[in-house]
């Protein structure tokens, strides 16, 4: 249940908020920070709808086994989600946001939408997982744990 006040909205895992004709589905994906939230929503290209996902907090700039395990669990959770076709990131370099926007500007009517790239998303999530798996090994060798 959402608690709503004029100052804030408190969400929990699985909650959704509908704004006009768009529903935002929230997922807690801790690791990068304890309270990271990721968001699933639909985007449109003309009459065609696509499932988009914003994976919050994908950076590995933290330390500790517990946080790394939470991060890995979050990555695995996102990896198991089906039907995500559009990757929206909070850091544009992670999903080539600016490059895709340029391709969108030059896009022919019959060409695929450059942001609809489920294979790129799958590869990126796989890379996040590999980097997270390597993190404890690197920290141990550096004496950080």
N, C-alpha and C. Protein backbone atom coordinates (compact mmCIF):
# COMPACT_ATOMS: atom_id res chain seq x y z
N UNK A 1 0.84 -1.18 0.00
CA UNK A 1 0.00 0.00 0.00
C UNK A 1 0.88 1.24 0.00
N UNK A 2 0.55 2.19 -0.81
CA UNK A 2 1.29 3.44 -0.84
C UNK A 2 0.77 4.38 0.23
N UNK A 3 1.70 4.99 0.92
CA UNK A 3 1.34 6.05 1.86
C UNK A 3 1.62 7.35 1.14
N UNK A 4 0.64 8.18 1.03
CA UNK A 4 0.75 9.37 0.20
C UNK A 4 0.52 10.61 1.06
N UNK A 5 1.46 11.52 1.01
CA UNK A 5 1.31 12.81 1.65
C UNK A 5 1.71 13.87 0.63
N UNK A 6 1.40 15.10 0.88
CA UNK A 6 1.84 16.15 -0.06
C UNK A 6 3.36 16.21 -0.21
N UNK A 7 4.10 15.73 0.79
CA UNK A 7 5.56 15.84 0.76
C UNK A 7 6.23 14.67 0.07
N UNK A 8 5.64 13.49 0.15
CA UNK A 8 6.35 12.34 -0.38
C UNK A 8 5.42 11.17 -0.66
N UNK A 9 5.98 10.18 -1.31
CA UNK A 9 5.32 8.90 -1.52
C UNK A 9 6.31 7.84 -1.11
N UNK A 10 5.92 6.95 -0.23
CA UNK A 10 6.79 5.87 0.21
C UNK A 10 6.38 4.62 -0.57
N UNK A 11 7.35 4.00 -1.23
CA UNK A 11 7.03 2.80 -2.00
C UNK A 11 7.73 1.60 -1.39
N UNK A 12 7.18 0.46 -1.69
CA UNK A 12 7.78 -0.81 -1.31
C UNK A 12 7.89 -1.66 -2.55
N UNK A 13 8.65 -2.73 -2.45
CA UNK A 13 8.85 -3.61 -3.59
C UNK A 13 7.51 -4.08 -4.15
N UNK A 14 7.35 -3.96 -5.47
CA UNK A 14 6.14 -4.41 -6.13
C UNK A 14 5.05 -3.37 -6.27
N UNK A 15 5.21 -2.23 -5.62
CA UNK A 15 4.20 -1.18 -5.74
C UNK A 15 4.22 -0.58 -7.13
N UNK A 16 3.09 0.00 -7.49
CA UNK A 16 3.01 0.70 -8.76
C UNK A 16 2.27 2.01 -8.56
N UNK A 17 2.55 2.93 -9.45
CA UNK A 17 1.90 4.23 -9.47
C UNK A 17 1.47 4.47 -10.92
N UNK A 18 0.23 4.89 -11.11
CA UNK A 18 -0.24 5.22 -12.44
C UNK A 18 -0.34 6.72 -12.57
N UNK A 19 0.32 7.23 -13.59
CA UNK A 19 0.31 8.65 -13.91
C UNK A 19 -0.30 8.78 -15.30
N UNK A 20 -1.49 9.30 -15.37
CA UNK A 20 -2.23 9.40 -16.63
C UNK A 20 -2.38 7.99 -17.21
N UNK A 21 -1.79 7.71 -18.36
CA UNK A 21 -1.92 6.38 -18.97
C UNK A 21 -0.64 5.55 -18.83
N UNK A 22 0.25 5.95 -17.94
CA UNK A 22 1.51 5.23 -17.73
C UNK A 22 1.56 4.68 -16.31
N UNK A 23 1.84 3.40 -16.19
CA UNK A 23 2.00 2.77 -14.89
C UNK A 23 3.47 2.48 -14.66
N UNK A 24 3.98 2.92 -13.52
CA UNK A 24 5.36 2.66 -13.11
C UNK A 24 5.32 1.54 -12.07
N UNK A 25 6.02 0.45 -12.34
CA UNK A 25 6.13 -0.68 -11.42
C UNK A 25 7.49 -0.59 -10.75
N UNK A 26 7.53 -0.61 -9.44
CA UNK A 26 8.78 -0.42 -8.70
C UNK A 26 9.30 -1.74 -8.13
N UNK A 27 10.63 -1.86 -8.19
CA UNK A 27 11.32 -3.02 -7.64
C UNK A 27 12.47 -2.53 -6.78
N UNK A 28 12.58 -3.05 -5.57
CA UNK A 28 13.77 -2.75 -4.76
C UNK A 28 14.90 -3.63 -5.27
N UNK A 29 16.01 -2.97 -5.60
CA UNK A 29 17.17 -3.69 -6.13
C UNK A 29 18.42 -3.21 -5.39
N UNK A 30 18.53 -3.57 -4.11
CA UNK A 30 19.65 -3.07 -3.30
C UNK A 30 20.99 -3.65 -3.75
N UNK A 31 22.02 -2.97 -3.29
CA UNK A 31 23.39 -3.38 -3.58
C UNK A 31 24.24 -2.15 -3.70
N UNK A 32 24.08 -1.43 -4.80
CA UNK A 32 24.83 -0.19 -4.99
C UNK A 32 24.60 0.72 -3.78
N UNK A 33 23.35 0.86 -3.39
CA UNK A 33 22.97 1.45 -2.11
C UNK A 33 21.86 0.57 -1.54
N UNK A 34 21.53 0.75 -0.28
CA UNK A 34 20.50 -0.10 0.35
C UNK A 34 19.11 0.14 -0.22
N UNK A 35 18.82 1.37 -0.64
CA UNK A 35 17.46 1.71 -1.03
C UNK A 35 17.25 1.89 -2.52
N UNK A 36 18.09 1.28 -3.33
CA UNK A 36 17.96 1.46 -4.78
C UNK A 36 16.62 0.92 -5.27
N UNK A 37 15.99 1.71 -6.13
CA UNK A 37 14.72 1.33 -6.74
C UNK A 37 14.91 1.28 -8.25
N UNK A 38 14.36 0.26 -8.86
CA UNK A 38 14.33 0.14 -10.32
C UNK A 38 12.88 0.25 -10.76
N UNK A 39 12.68 0.65 -12.01
CA UNK A 39 11.34 0.96 -12.48
C UNK A 39 11.07 0.30 -13.83
N UNK A 40 9.93 -0.35 -13.93
CA UNK A 40 9.45 -0.93 -15.18
C UNK A 40 8.26 -0.10 -15.66
N UNK A 41 8.21 0.17 -16.96
CA UNK A 41 7.11 0.95 -17.53
C UNK A 41 7.07 0.72 -19.03
N UNK A 42 5.96 1.06 -19.64
CA UNK A 42 5.83 0.94 -21.09
C UNK A 42 6.22 2.24 -21.76
N UNK A 43 6.85 2.09 -22.92
CA UNK A 43 7.15 3.21 -23.80
C UNK A 43 6.53 2.91 -25.16
N UNK A 44 6.37 3.93 -25.96
CA UNK A 44 5.66 3.77 -27.22
C UNK A 44 6.48 4.28 -28.40
N UNK A 45 6.34 3.59 -29.51
CA UNK A 45 6.83 4.04 -30.80
C UNK A 45 5.63 3.98 -31.73
N UNK A 46 4.98 5.10 -31.89
CA UNK A 46 3.73 5.12 -32.62
C UNK A 46 2.69 4.32 -31.84
N UNK A 47 2.11 3.32 -32.48
CA UNK A 47 1.11 2.47 -31.83
C UNK A 47 1.72 1.26 -31.13
N UNK A 48 3.02 1.07 -31.28
CA UNK A 48 3.69 -0.11 -30.72
C UNK A 48 4.20 0.18 -29.32
N UNK A 49 3.82 -0.68 -28.37
CA UNK A 49 4.25 -0.55 -26.98
C UNK A 49 5.42 -1.50 -26.72
N UNK A 50 6.36 -1.04 -25.88
CA UNK A 50 7.52 -1.85 -25.48
C UNK A 50 7.70 -1.73 -23.98
N UNK A 51 8.18 -2.82 -23.37
CA UNK A 51 8.47 -2.78 -21.94
C UNK A 51 9.87 -2.20 -21.74
N UNK A 52 9.94 -1.12 -20.96
CA UNK A 52 11.20 -0.46 -20.65
C UNK A 52 11.55 -0.73 -19.19
N UNK A 53 12.83 -0.64 -18.88
CA UNK A 53 13.29 -0.87 -17.52
C UNK A 53 14.43 0.08 -17.22
N UNK A 54 14.35 0.73 -16.06
CA UNK A 54 15.43 1.55 -15.56
C UNK A 54 16.00 0.84 -14.34
N UNK A 55 17.18 0.26 -14.52
CA UNK A 55 17.85 -0.48 -13.44
C UNK A 55 18.63 0.53 -12.63
N UNK A 56 18.10 0.90 -11.47
CA UNK A 56 18.75 1.88 -10.62
C UNK A 56 19.97 1.30 -9.92
N UNK A 57 20.98 2.09 -9.78
CA UNK A 57 22.13 1.71 -8.96
C UNK A 57 22.92 0.53 -9.46
N UNK A 58 23.52 0.65 -10.63
CA UNK A 58 24.28 -0.47 -11.18
C UNK A 58 25.77 -0.35 -10.93
N UNK A 59 26.21 0.73 -10.33
CA UNK A 59 27.64 0.92 -10.07
C UNK A 59 28.14 -0.01 -8.97
N UNK A 60 29.41 -0.38 -9.09
CA UNK A 60 30.04 -1.25 -8.10
C UNK A 60 30.95 -0.48 -7.16
N UNK A 61 30.70 0.79 -6.98
CA UNK A 61 31.56 1.62 -6.13
C UNK A 61 31.12 1.55 -4.67
N UNK A 62 31.21 0.34 -4.13
CA UNK A 62 30.95 0.05 -2.72
C UNK A 62 31.86 -1.10 -2.36
N UNK A 63 31.89 -1.47 -1.09
CA UNK A 63 32.73 -2.60 -0.68
C UNK A 63 31.95 -3.49 0.28
N UNK A 64 32.43 -4.70 0.40
CA UNK A 64 31.87 -5.64 1.35
C UNK A 64 31.09 -6.77 0.72
N UNK A 65 31.22 -7.94 1.33
CA UNK A 65 30.57 -9.15 0.83
C UNK A 65 29.06 -9.02 0.87
N UNK A 66 28.51 -8.52 1.98
CA UNK A 66 27.05 -8.42 2.12
C UNK A 66 26.45 -7.55 1.02
N UNK A 67 27.04 -6.40 0.77
CA UNK A 67 26.53 -5.51 -0.28
C UNK A 67 26.68 -6.16 -1.65
N UNK A 68 27.78 -6.84 -1.87
CA UNK A 68 28.00 -7.50 -3.16
C UNK A 68 26.97 -8.60 -3.37
N UNK A 69 26.65 -9.35 -2.31
CA UNK A 69 25.62 -10.39 -2.42
C UNK A 69 24.25 -9.77 -2.74
N UNK A 70 23.92 -8.68 -2.09
CA UNK A 70 22.64 -8.00 -2.38
C UNK A 70 22.62 -7.52 -3.83
N UNK A 71 23.73 -6.96 -4.27
CA UNK A 71 23.84 -6.50 -5.65
C UNK A 71 23.65 -7.67 -6.62
N UNK A 72 24.33 -8.79 -6.34
CA UNK A 72 24.21 -9.98 -7.19
C UNK A 72 22.76 -10.47 -7.23
N UNK A 73 22.09 -10.49 -6.09
CA UNK A 73 20.69 -10.89 -6.05
C UNK A 73 19.83 -9.97 -6.91
N UNK A 74 20.12 -8.67 -6.86
CA UNK A 74 19.36 -7.72 -7.66
C UNK A 74 19.61 -7.93 -9.15
N UNK A 75 20.87 -8.14 -9.52
CA UNK A 75 21.20 -8.39 -10.93
C UNK A 75 20.51 -9.67 -11.40
N UNK A 76 20.55 -10.72 -10.58
CA UNK A 76 19.89 -11.98 -10.96
C UNK A 76 18.38 -11.79 -11.10
N UNK A 77 17.81 -10.97 -10.24
CA UNK A 77 16.37 -10.71 -10.32
C UNK A 77 16.02 -10.04 -11.65
N UNK A 78 16.79 -9.03 -12.01
CA UNK A 78 16.53 -8.33 -13.27
C UNK A 78 16.80 -9.27 -14.45
N UNK A 79 17.85 -10.06 -14.34
CA UNK A 79 18.19 -11.00 -15.40
C UNK A 79 17.05 -11.99 -15.65
N UNK A 80 16.29 -12.33 -14.64
CA UNK A 80 15.20 -13.29 -14.76
C UNK A 80 13.91 -12.66 -15.30
N UNK A 81 13.84 -11.35 -15.34
CA UNK A 81 12.63 -10.69 -15.84
C UNK A 81 12.50 -10.92 -17.34
N UNK A 82 11.28 -11.15 -17.75
CA UNK A 82 11.04 -11.43 -19.17
C UNK A 82 10.40 -10.25 -19.87
N UNK A 83 10.71 -10.13 -21.15
CA UNK A 83 10.03 -9.18 -22.00
C UNK A 83 10.55 -7.76 -21.98
N UNK A 84 11.65 -7.50 -21.28
CA UNK A 84 12.20 -6.14 -21.28
C UNK A 84 12.89 -5.90 -22.62
N UNK A 85 12.49 -4.83 -23.28
CA UNK A 85 13.00 -4.54 -24.62
C UNK A 85 13.78 -3.23 -24.72
N UNK A 86 13.59 -2.35 -23.73
CA UNK A 86 14.21 -1.03 -23.76
C UNK A 86 14.94 -0.79 -22.45
N UNK A 87 16.22 -0.45 -22.55
CA UNK A 87 17.05 -0.19 -21.39
C UNK A 87 17.20 1.32 -21.23
N UNK A 88 16.64 1.84 -20.14
CA UNK A 88 16.80 3.26 -19.81
C UNK A 88 17.71 3.30 -18.59
N UNK A 89 18.80 4.02 -18.67
CA UNK A 89 19.74 4.04 -17.56
C UNK A 89 19.87 5.44 -16.97
N UNK A 90 20.33 5.49 -15.73
CA UNK A 90 20.53 6.78 -15.09
C UNK A 90 21.91 7.36 -15.41
N UNK A 91 22.75 6.60 -16.09
CA UNK A 91 24.04 7.08 -16.60
C UNK A 91 24.06 6.77 -18.09
N UNK A 92 24.03 7.78 -18.95
CA UNK A 92 23.82 7.56 -20.38
C UNK A 92 24.84 6.65 -21.06
N UNK A 93 26.05 6.61 -20.58
CA UNK A 93 27.07 5.77 -21.21
C UNK A 93 26.79 4.28 -21.08
N UNK A 94 26.05 3.90 -20.06
CA UNK A 94 25.79 2.48 -19.82
C UNK A 94 24.92 1.84 -20.88
N UNK A 95 24.11 2.59 -21.57
CA UNK A 95 23.23 2.03 -22.59
C UNK A 95 23.33 2.81 -23.90
N UNK A 96 24.44 3.53 -24.06
CA UNK A 96 24.67 4.30 -25.28
C UNK A 96 23.49 5.22 -25.59
N UNK A 97 22.99 5.88 -24.57
CA UNK A 97 21.80 6.72 -24.71
C UNK A 97 21.99 7.81 -25.77
N UNK A 98 23.11 8.54 -25.71
CA UNK A 98 23.32 9.62 -26.66
C UNK A 98 23.50 9.09 -28.08
N UNK A 99 24.23 7.98 -28.22
CA UNK A 99 24.43 7.38 -29.54
C UNK A 99 23.10 6.90 -30.12
N UNK A 100 22.28 6.29 -29.28
CA UNK A 100 20.97 5.83 -29.75
C UNK A 100 20.07 7.01 -30.13
N UNK A 101 20.18 8.11 -29.39
CA UNK A 101 19.39 9.30 -29.72
C UNK A 101 19.80 9.85 -31.08
N UNK A 102 21.09 9.83 -31.38
CA UNK A 102 21.55 10.28 -32.70
C UNK A 102 21.01 9.38 -33.79
N UNK A 103 21.04 8.06 -33.57
CA UNK A 103 20.49 7.12 -34.55
C UNK A 103 18.98 7.34 -34.72
N UNK A 104 18.31 7.70 -33.62
CA UNK A 104 16.88 7.96 -33.69
C UNK A 104 16.60 9.17 -34.58
N UNK A 105 17.44 10.21 -34.46
CA UNK A 105 17.28 11.40 -35.29
C UNK A 105 17.40 11.07 -36.78
N UNK A 106 18.26 10.10 -37.11
CA UNK A 106 18.51 9.73 -38.50
C UNK A 106 17.68 8.53 -38.95
N UNK A 107 16.79 8.07 -38.14
CA UNK A 107 16.05 6.84 -38.40
C UNK A 107 15.03 7.00 -39.53
N UNK A 108 15.07 6.04 -40.44
CA UNK A 108 14.05 5.98 -41.49
C UNK A 108 12.78 5.38 -40.89
N UNK A 109 11.65 5.73 -41.45
CA UNK A 109 10.35 5.30 -40.94
C UNK A 109 10.28 3.78 -40.75
N UNK A 110 10.84 3.01 -41.66
CA UNK A 110 10.73 1.55 -41.60
C UNK A 110 11.85 0.88 -40.80
N UNK A 111 12.79 1.67 -40.30
CA UNK A 111 13.92 1.11 -39.54
C UNK A 111 13.52 0.81 -38.11
N UNK A 112 14.19 -0.18 -37.49
CA UNK A 112 13.90 -0.47 -36.09
C UNK A 112 14.25 0.71 -35.19
N UNK A 113 13.54 0.81 -34.10
CA UNK A 113 13.80 1.88 -33.13
C UNK A 113 15.12 1.56 -32.42
N UNK A 114 16.08 2.50 -32.38
CA UNK A 114 17.39 2.20 -31.79
C UNK A 114 17.36 1.93 -30.29
N UNK A 115 16.32 2.35 -29.60
CA UNK A 115 16.25 2.07 -28.17
C UNK A 115 15.64 0.69 -27.87
N UNK A 116 14.99 0.10 -28.84
CA UNK A 116 14.41 -1.23 -28.67
C UNK A 116 15.51 -2.22 -29.02
N UNK A 117 16.19 -2.70 -27.98
CA UNK A 117 17.38 -3.53 -28.18
C UNK A 117 17.50 -4.55 -27.04
N UNK A 118 16.60 -5.53 -26.99
CA UNK A 118 16.63 -6.48 -25.88
C UNK A 118 17.93 -7.29 -25.79
N UNK A 119 18.56 -7.57 -26.93
CA UNK A 119 19.82 -8.32 -26.89
C UNK A 119 20.93 -7.49 -26.25
N UNK A 120 20.95 -6.18 -26.51
CA UNK A 120 21.93 -5.31 -25.87
C UNK A 120 21.72 -5.27 -24.36
N UNK A 121 20.46 -5.22 -23.95
CA UNK A 121 20.15 -5.22 -22.51
C UNK A 121 20.62 -6.52 -21.87
N UNK A 122 20.33 -7.63 -22.51
CA UNK A 122 20.75 -8.94 -21.98
C UNK A 122 22.27 -8.99 -21.82
N UNK A 123 22.99 -8.52 -22.82
CA UNK A 123 24.46 -8.52 -22.76
C UNK A 123 24.96 -7.61 -21.64
N UNK A 124 24.32 -6.46 -21.45
CA UNK A 124 24.73 -5.53 -20.40
C UNK A 124 24.49 -6.12 -19.01
N UNK A 125 23.34 -6.76 -18.83
CA UNK A 125 23.04 -7.39 -17.53
C UNK A 125 24.05 -8.52 -17.27
N UNK A 126 24.38 -9.28 -18.29
CA UNK A 126 25.38 -10.35 -18.16
C UNK A 126 26.73 -9.75 -17.73
N UNK A 127 27.09 -8.60 -18.32
CA UNK A 127 28.33 -7.92 -17.95
C UNK A 127 28.29 -7.44 -16.50
N UNK A 128 27.16 -6.89 -16.07
CA UNK A 128 27.02 -6.47 -14.67
C UNK A 128 27.24 -7.65 -13.74
N UNK A 129 26.67 -8.78 -14.11
CA UNK A 129 26.81 -9.98 -13.27
C UNK A 129 28.26 -10.44 -13.21
N UNK A 130 28.94 -10.48 -14.35
CA UNK A 130 30.35 -10.91 -14.36
C UNK A 130 31.21 -9.98 -13.53
N UNK A 131 30.97 -8.67 -13.65
CA UNK A 131 31.73 -7.70 -12.86
C UNK A 131 31.47 -7.88 -11.37
N UNK A 132 30.23 -8.16 -11.01
CA UNK A 132 29.89 -8.37 -9.60
C UNK A 132 30.53 -9.66 -9.08
N UNK A 133 30.56 -10.69 -9.90
CA UNK A 133 31.19 -11.95 -9.48
C UNK A 133 32.69 -11.77 -9.25
N UNK A 134 33.31 -10.88 -10.01
CA UNK A 134 34.75 -10.64 -9.88
C UNK A 134 35.07 -9.73 -8.70
N UNK A 135 34.11 -8.94 -8.25
CA UNK A 135 34.35 -7.94 -7.21
C UNK A 135 34.92 -8.51 -5.91
N UNK A 136 34.34 -9.57 -5.32
CA UNK A 136 34.90 -10.09 -4.06
C UNK A 136 36.33 -10.62 -4.24
N UNK A 137 36.61 -11.19 -5.38
CA UNK A 137 37.97 -11.70 -5.64
C UNK A 137 38.96 -10.54 -5.67
N UNK A 138 38.59 -9.47 -6.36
CA UNK A 138 39.46 -8.28 -6.43
C UNK A 138 39.63 -7.65 -5.05
N UNK A 139 38.53 -7.59 -4.26
CA UNK A 139 38.63 -6.99 -2.93
C UNK A 139 39.50 -7.83 -2.01
N UNK A 140 39.37 -9.15 -2.10
CA UNK A 140 40.22 -10.02 -1.26
C UNK A 140 41.68 -9.83 -1.61
N UNK A 141 42.00 -9.78 -2.90
CA UNK A 141 43.38 -9.63 -3.30
C UNK A 141 43.95 -8.26 -2.90
N UNK A 142 43.07 -7.27 -2.78
CA UNK A 142 43.50 -5.94 -2.35
C UNK A 142 43.44 -5.80 -0.82
N UNK A 143 42.96 -6.83 -0.13
CA UNK A 143 42.87 -6.79 1.33
C UNK A 143 41.72 -5.96 1.84
N UNK A 144 40.70 -5.73 1.01
CA UNK A 144 39.60 -4.84 1.42
C UNK A 144 38.55 -5.55 2.25
N UNK A 145 38.50 -6.88 2.25
CA UNK A 145 37.45 -7.56 3.01
C UNK A 145 37.92 -7.98 4.37
